[in-house]
Amino acid sequence: ADGNEMTHLIDCYCGSGLFCLSSAKYFKLCAGIEINEKAIEEATANAELNSVNNCAFVAASAEAIFESKNKVKLSRDDDGVLVDDFPRESTVVIVDPPRKGCSEEFLDQLYKYSPQRVVYMSCDPATQARDAKGIVANGYELVSTQPFDLFPQTRHIECLCVFEKRKNL
């Protein structure tokens, strides 16, 4: 890390909000995006049940999050903010894509947005390695990696990689 406090979180492929909700206490504002509308309903209900007031969830494709003109609003009275306007130097993007990994369209938007930190959780190390190559080529350094054997005696593992924006760019 570069010493900057991370204040904003964008959780792509958020499902029912696990990463967004469990990390919310460390951020001022969190936005989750998931294509499955039922999962977004569940994420919103989970936020309410757990009194998490700084998370908003959007039912849309992850490929649309940085170009979306829908503002992230925490309440009806809130004017909201575009995800693209989150401060890049203090924003973490969590990516937990399906087994096929991230689409080129999503990755291109991620590189253009250029957040300070990218946290990539994957259930397929091969597609994660493919995407990691592009992330590193676009100005990031792999600072940590941690595999998780959640399915013992099978070939399936989860793997978490953390990337930080390189300072010399």
C-alpha atoms as a PDB file:
ATOM      1  CA  ALA A   1       0.000   0.000   0.000  1.00  0.00           C
ATOM      2  CA  ASP A   2       1.104   3.535  -0.584  1.00  0.00           C
ATOM      3  CA  GLY A   3      -0.116   4.927   2.744  1.00  0.00           C
ATOM      4  CA  ASN A   4      -3.351   6.373   1.364  1.00  0.00           C
ATOM      5  CA  GLU A   5      -6.432   5.503   3.342  1.00  0.00           C
ATOM      6  CA  MET A   6      -8.877   3.597   1.191  1.00  0.00           C
ATOM      7  CA  THR A   7     -12.261   5.348   1.458  1.00  0.00           C
ATOM      8  CA  HIS A   8     -14.369   3.850  -1.340  1.00  0.00           C
ATOM      9  CA  LEU A   9     -15.116   0.289  -2.391  1.00  0.00           C
ATOM     10  CA  ILE A  10     -16.525  -1.023  -5.655  1.00  0.00           C
ATOM     11  CA  ASP A  11     -17.562  -4.687  -5.481  1.00  0.00           C
ATOM     12  CA  CYS A  12     -17.944  -6.120  -8.979  1.00  0.00           C
ATOM     13  CA  TYR A  13     -19.831  -9.377  -9.393  1.00  0.00           C
ATOM     14  CA  CYS A  14     -21.034  -8.813  -5.798  1.00  0.00           C
ATOM     15  CA  GLY A  15     -23.693 -11.525  -5.570  1.00  0.00           C
ATOM     16  CA  SER A  16     -25.647 -11.047  -2.345  1.00  0.00           C
ATOM     17  CA  GLY A  17     -23.071  -8.575  -1.043  1.00  0.00           C
ATOM     18  CA  LEU A  18     -20.617 -10.703   0.961  1.00  0.00           C
ATOM     19  CA  PHE A  19     -17.440  -8.696   0.334  1.00  0.00           C
ATOM     20  CA  CYS A  20     -19.139  -5.301   0.171  1.00  0.00           C
ATOM     21  CA  LEU A  21     -21.082  -5.782   3.406  1.00  0.00           C
ATOM     22  CA  SER A  22     -18.294  -7.434   5.392  1.00  0.00           C
ATOM     23  CA  SER A  23     -15.849  -4.678   4.380  1.00  0.00           C
ATOM     24  CA  ALA A  24     -18.222  -1.719   4.723  1.00  0.00           C
ATOM     25  CA  LYS A  25     -16.998  -0.637   8.158  1.00  0.00           C
ATOM     26  CA  TYR A  26     -13.614   0.221   6.619  1.00  0.00           C
ATOM     27  CA  PHE A  27     -15.011   2.542   3.927  1.00  0.00           C
ATOM     28  CA  LYS A  28     -17.045   5.732   3.623  1.00  0.00           C
ATOM     29  CA  LEU A  29     -19.024   4.476   0.632  1.00  0.00           C
ATOM     30  CA  CYS A  30     -19.420   1.053  -0.983  1.00  0.00           C
ATOM     31  CA  ALA A  31     -21.094   0.122  -4.262  1.00  0.00           C
ATOM     32  CA  GLY A  32     -21.905  -3.422  -5.327  1.00  0.00           C
ATOM     33  CA  ILE A  33     -22.870  -4.500  -8.825  1.00  0.00           C
ATOM     34  CA  GLU A  34     -24.360  -7.817  -9.878  1.00  0.00           C
ATOM     35  CA  ILE A  35     -26.282  -8.859 -12.979  1.00  0.00           C
ATOM     36  CA  ASN A  36     -28.692 -11.050 -10.971  1.00  0.00           C
ATOM     37  CA  GLU A  37     -31.547  -8.848  -9.723  1.00  0.00           C
ATOM     38  CA  LYS A  38     -32.570 -11.363  -7.030  1.00  0.00           C
ATOM     39  CA  ALA A  39     -29.017 -11.242  -5.620  1.00  0.00           C
ATOM     40  CA  ILE A  40     -29.224  -7.434  -5.488  1.00  0.00           C
ATOM     41  CA  GLU A  41     -32.501  -7.681  -3.569  1.00  0.00           C
ATOM     42  CA  GLU A  42     -30.766 -10.059  -1.149  1.00  0.00           C
ATOM     43  CA  ALA A  43     -27.720  -7.761  -0.825  1.00  0.00           C
ATOM     44  CA  THR A  44     -29.974  -4.801  -0.051  1.00  0.00           C
ATOM     45  CA  ALA A  45     -31.924  -6.864   2.501  1.00  0.00           C
ATOM     46  CA  ASN A  46     -28.637  -8.066   4.052  1.00  0.00           C
ATOM     47  CA  ALA A  47     -27.490  -4.448   4.403  1.00  0.00           C
ATOM     48  CA  GLU A  48     -30.753  -3.507   6.138  1.00  0.00           C
ATOM     49  CA  LEU A  49     -30.708  -6.577   8.418  1.00  0.00           C
ATOM     50  CA  ASN A  50     -27.152  -5.802   9.491  1.00  0.00           C
ATOM     51  CA  SER A  51     -27.635  -2.014   9.794  1.00  0.00           C
ATOM     52  CA  VAL A  52     -25.031  -1.313   7.112  1.00  0.00           C
ATOM     53  CA  ASN A  53     -25.861   2.171   5.872  1.00  0.00           C
ATOM     54  CA  ASN A  54     -22.962   2.972   3.557  1.00  0.00           C
ATOM     55  CA  CYS A  55     -23.575   0.343   0.847  1.00  0.00           C
ATOM     56  CA  ALA A  56     -25.674   0.644  -2.285  1.00  0.00           C
ATOM     57  CA  PHE A  57     -26.293  -2.139  -4.785  1.00  0.00           C
ATOM     58  CA  VAL A  58     -27.019  -1.972  -8.508  1.00  0.00           C
ATOM     59  CA  ALA A  59     -28.511  -4.697 -10.704  1.00  0.00           C
ATOM     60  CA  ALA A  60     -26.433  -4.451 -13.878  1.00  0.00           C
ATOM     61  CA  SER A  61     -23.556  -6.043 -15.706  1.00  0.00           C
ATOM     62  CA  ALA A  62     -20.108  -5.475 -14.189  1.00  0.00           C
ATOM     63  CA  GLU A  63     -19.064  -4.263 -17.621  1.00  0.00           C
ATOM     64  CA  ALA A  64     -21.359  -1.270 -17.113  1.00  0.00           C
ATOM     65  CA  ILE A  65     -20.247  -0.083 -13.686  1.00  0.00           C
ATOM     66  CA  PHE A  66     -17.704   2.559 -14.656  1.00  0.00           C
ATOM     67  CA  GLU A  67     -19.773   3.947 -17.528  1.00  0.00           C
ATOM     68  CA  SER A  68     -23.077   3.871 -15.671  1.00  0.00           C
ATOM     69  CA  LYS A  69     -24.986   7.130 -15.373  1.00  0.00           C
ATOM     70  CA  ASN A  70     -26.996   5.674 -12.480  1.00  0.00           C
ATOM     71  CA  LYS A  71     -25.853   7.367  -9.285  1.00  0.00           C
ATOM     72  CA  VAL A  72     -25.055   5.394  -6.166  1.00  0.00           C
ATOM     73  CA  LYS A  73     -27.576   6.576  -3.579  1.00  0.00           C
ATOM     74  CA  LEU A  74     -27.700   5.568   0.054  1.00  0.00           C
ATOM     75  CA  SER A  75     -31.204   6.965   0.550  1.00  0.00           C
ATOM     76  CA  ARG A  76     -34.045   8.546  -1.412  1.00  0.00           C
ATOM     77  CA  ASP A  77     -32.889  11.976  -0.230  1.00  0.00           C
ATOM     78  CA  ASP A  78     -29.294  11.392  -1.270  1.00  0.00           C
ATOM     79  CA  ASP A  79     -28.217  13.131  -4.505  1.00  0.00           C
ATOM     80  CA  GLY A  80     -25.876  10.239  -5.142  1.00  0.00           C
ATOM     81  CA  VAL A  81     -22.549   9.940  -6.865  1.00  0.00           C
ATOM     82  CA  LEU A  82     -21.438   8.213 -10.045  1.00  0.00           C
ATOM     83  CA  VAL A  83     -19.117   5.267  -9.465  1.00  0.00           C
ATOM     84  CA  ASP A  84     -16.801   6.809 -12.055  1.00  0.00           C
ATOM     85  CA  ASP A  85     -16.489   9.819  -9.713  1.00  0.00           C
ATOM     86  CA  PHE A  86     -15.207   7.772  -6.754  1.00  0.00           C
ATOM     87  CA  PRO A  87     -11.691   9.062  -5.928  1.00  0.00           C
ATOM     88  CA  ARG A  88      -9.311   6.742  -7.739  1.00  0.00           C
ATOM     89  CA  GLU A  89      -6.415   7.248  -5.323  1.00  0.00           C
ATOM     90  CA  SER A  90      -8.504   5.941  -2.409  1.00  0.00           C
ATOM     91  CA  THR A  91     -10.740   3.369  -4.109  1.00  0.00           C
ATOM     92  CA  VAL A  92     -10.513  -0.408  -3.911  1.00  0.00           C
ATOM     93  CA  VAL A  93     -12.166  -2.508  -6.611  1.00  0.00           C
ATOM     94  CA  ILE A  94     -13.046  -6.063  -5.602  1.00  0.00           C
ATOM     95  CA  VAL A  95     -13.486  -8.464  -8.490  1.00  0.00           C
ATOM     96  CA  ASP A  96     -15.021 -11.911  -7.959  1.00  0.00           C
ATOM     97  CA  PRO A  97     -15.969 -13.010 -11.470  1.00  0.00           C
ATOM     98  CA  PRO A  98     -17.479 -16.294 -12.618  1.00  0.00           C
ATOM     99  CA  ARG A  99     -15.145 -19.152 -13.559  1.00  0.00           C
ATOM    100  CA  LYS A 100     -14.596 -17.694 -17.053  1.00  0.00           C
ATOM    101  CA  GLY A 101     -12.859 -14.674 -15.495  1.00  0.00           C
ATOM    102  CA  CYS A 102     -13.324 -11.029 -16.421  1.00  0.00           C
ATOM    103  CA  SER A 103     -14.392  -9.940 -19.874  1.00  0.00           C
ATOM    104  CA  GLU A 104     -12.058  -7.769 -21.940  1.00  0.00           C
ATOM    105  CA  GLU A 105     -14.730  -5.053 -21.838  1.00  0.00           C
ATOM    106  CA  PHE A 106     -14.713  -5.043 -18.037  1.00  0.00           C
ATOM    107  CA  LEU A 107     -10.912  -5.097 -17.808  1.00  0.00           C
ATOM    108  CA  ASP A 108     -10.592  -2.217 -20.292  1.00  0.00           C
ATOM    109  CA  GLN A 109     -12.943  -0.137 -18.118  1.00  0.00           C
ATOM    110  CA  LEU A 110     -11.013  -1.125 -14.989  1.00  0.00           C
ATOM    111  CA  TYR A 111      -7.704  -0.023 -16.543  1.00  0.00           C
ATOM    112  CA  LYS A 112      -9.231   3.263 -17.690  1.00  0.00           C
ATOM    113  CA  TYR A 113     -10.739   3.898 -14.248  1.00  0.00           C
ATOM    114  CA  SER A 114      -7.382   3.046 -12.628  1.00  0.00           C
ATOM    115  CA  PRO A 115      -8.204   2.536  -8.934  1.00  0.00           C
ATOM    116  CA  GLN A 116      -5.440   2.461  -6.321  1.00  0.00           C
ATOM    117  CA  ARG A 117      -6.069  -1.177  -5.415  1.00  0.00           C
ATOM    118  CA  VAL A 118      -7.618  -4.207  -7.109  1.00  0.00           C
ATOM    119  CA  VAL A 119      -8.559  -7.257  -5.046  1.00  0.00           C
ATOM    120  CA  TYR A 120      -9.261 -10.252  -7.286  1.00  0.00           C
ATOM    121  CA  MET A 121     -10.912 -13.393  -5.897  1.00  0.00           C
ATOM    122  CA  SER A 122     -11.138 -16.304  -8.299  1.00  0.00           C
ATOM    123  CA  CYS A 123     -12.421 -19.848  -8.408  1.00  0.00           C
ATOM    124  CA  ASP A 124     -10.266 -20.573 -11.481  1.00  0.00           C
ATOM    125  CA  PRO A 125      -6.531 -19.871 -11.143  1.00  0.00           C
ATOM    126  CA  ALA A 126      -6.036 -20.212 -14.918  1.00  0.00           C
ATOM    127  CA  THR A 127      -8.404 -17.366 -15.813  1.00  0.00           C
ATOM    128  CA  GLN A 128      -7.142 -15.357 -12.831  1.00  0.00           C
ATOM    129  CA  ALA A 129      -3.568 -15.731 -14.125  1.00  0.00           C
ATOM    130  CA  ARG A 130      -4.705 -14.609 -17.588  1.00  0.00           C
ATOM    131  CA  ASP A 131      -6.425 -11.522 -16.133  1.00  0.00           C
ATOM    132  CA  ALA A 132      -3.535 -10.838 -13.720  1.00  0.00           C
ATOM    133  CA  LYS A 133      -1.138 -10.618 -16.647  1.00  0.00           C
ATOM    134  CA  GLY A 134      -3.240  -7.783 -18.080  1.00  0.00           C
ATOM    135  CA  ILE A 135      -3.626  -6.050 -14.721  1.00  0.00           C
ATOM    136  CA  VAL A 136       0.157  -6.049 -14.192  1.00  0.00           C
ATOM    137  CA  ALA A 137       0.731  -4.870 -17.782  1.00  0.00           C
ATOM    138  CA  ASN A 138      -1.583  -1.927 -17.050  1.00  0.00           C
ATOM    139  CA  GLY A 139       0.367  -0.468 -14.168  1.00  0.00           C
ATOM    140  CA  TYR A 140      -0.234  -2.679 -11.153  1.00  0.00           C
ATOM    141  CA  GLU A 141       2.025  -4.728  -8.948  1.00  0.00           C
ATOM    142  CA  LEU A 142       0.943  -8.032  -7.392  1.00  0.00           C
ATOM    143  CA  VAL A 143       1.524  -7.454  -3.669  1.00  0.00           C
ATOM    144  CA  SER A 144      -0.018 -10.596  -2.206  1.00  0.00           C
ATOM    145  CA  THR A 145      -1.670 -13.836  -3.151  1.00  0.00           C
ATOM    146  CA  GLN A 146      -3.418 -16.410  -0.999  1.00  0.00           C
ATOM    147  CA  PRO A 147      -4.951 -19.678  -2.188  1.00  0.00           C
ATOM    148  CA  PHE A 148      -7.826 -21.201  -0.225  1.00  0.00           C
ATOM    149  CA  ASP A 149      -8.557 -24.925  -0.357  1.00  0.00           C
ATOM    150  CA  LEU A 150     -12.265 -24.750   0.383  1.00  0.00           C
ATOM    151  CA  PHE A 151     -12.957 -28.027  -1.393  1.00  0.00           C
ATOM    152  CA  PRO A 152     -10.414 -30.542  -0.039  1.00  0.00           C
ATOM    153  CA  GLN A 153      -9.478 -33.496  -2.206  1.00  0.00           C
ATOM    154  CA  THR A 154     -10.831 -31.848  -5.354  1.00  0.00           C
ATOM    155  CA  ARG A 155      -9.071 -29.791  -8.008  1.00  0.00           C
ATOM    156  CA  HIS A 156     -11.022 -26.658  -7.035  1.00  0.00           C
ATOM    157  CA  ILE A 157      -9.416 -23.815  -5.113  1.00  0.00           C
ATOM    158  CA  GLU A 158     -10.196 -20.167  -4.521  1.00  0.00           C
ATOM    159  CA  CYS A 159      -7.347 -17.703  -4.894  1.00  0.00           C
ATOM    160  CA  LEU A 160      -7.116 -14.101  -3.699  1.00  0.00           C
ATOM    161  CA  CYS A 161      -4.690 -11.662  -5.327  1.00  0.00           C
ATOM    162  CA  VAL A 162      -4.124  -8.050  -4.295  1.00  0.00           C
ATOM    163  CA  PHE A 163      -2.743  -5.546  -6.791  1.00  0.00           C
ATOM    164  CA  GLU A 164      -1.559  -2.003  -6.009  1.00  0.00           C
ATOM    165  CA  LYS A 165      -1.078   0.773  -8.518  1.00  0.00           C
ATOM    166  CA  ARG A 166       2.649   1.166  -9.136  1.00  0.00           C
ATOM    167  CA  LYS A 167       4.027   4.480  -7.896  1.00  0.00           C
ATOM    168  CA  ASN A 168       6.335   5.090 -10.833  1.00  0.00           C
ATOM    169  CA  LEU A 169       3.438   5.584 -13.275  1.00  0.00           C
END
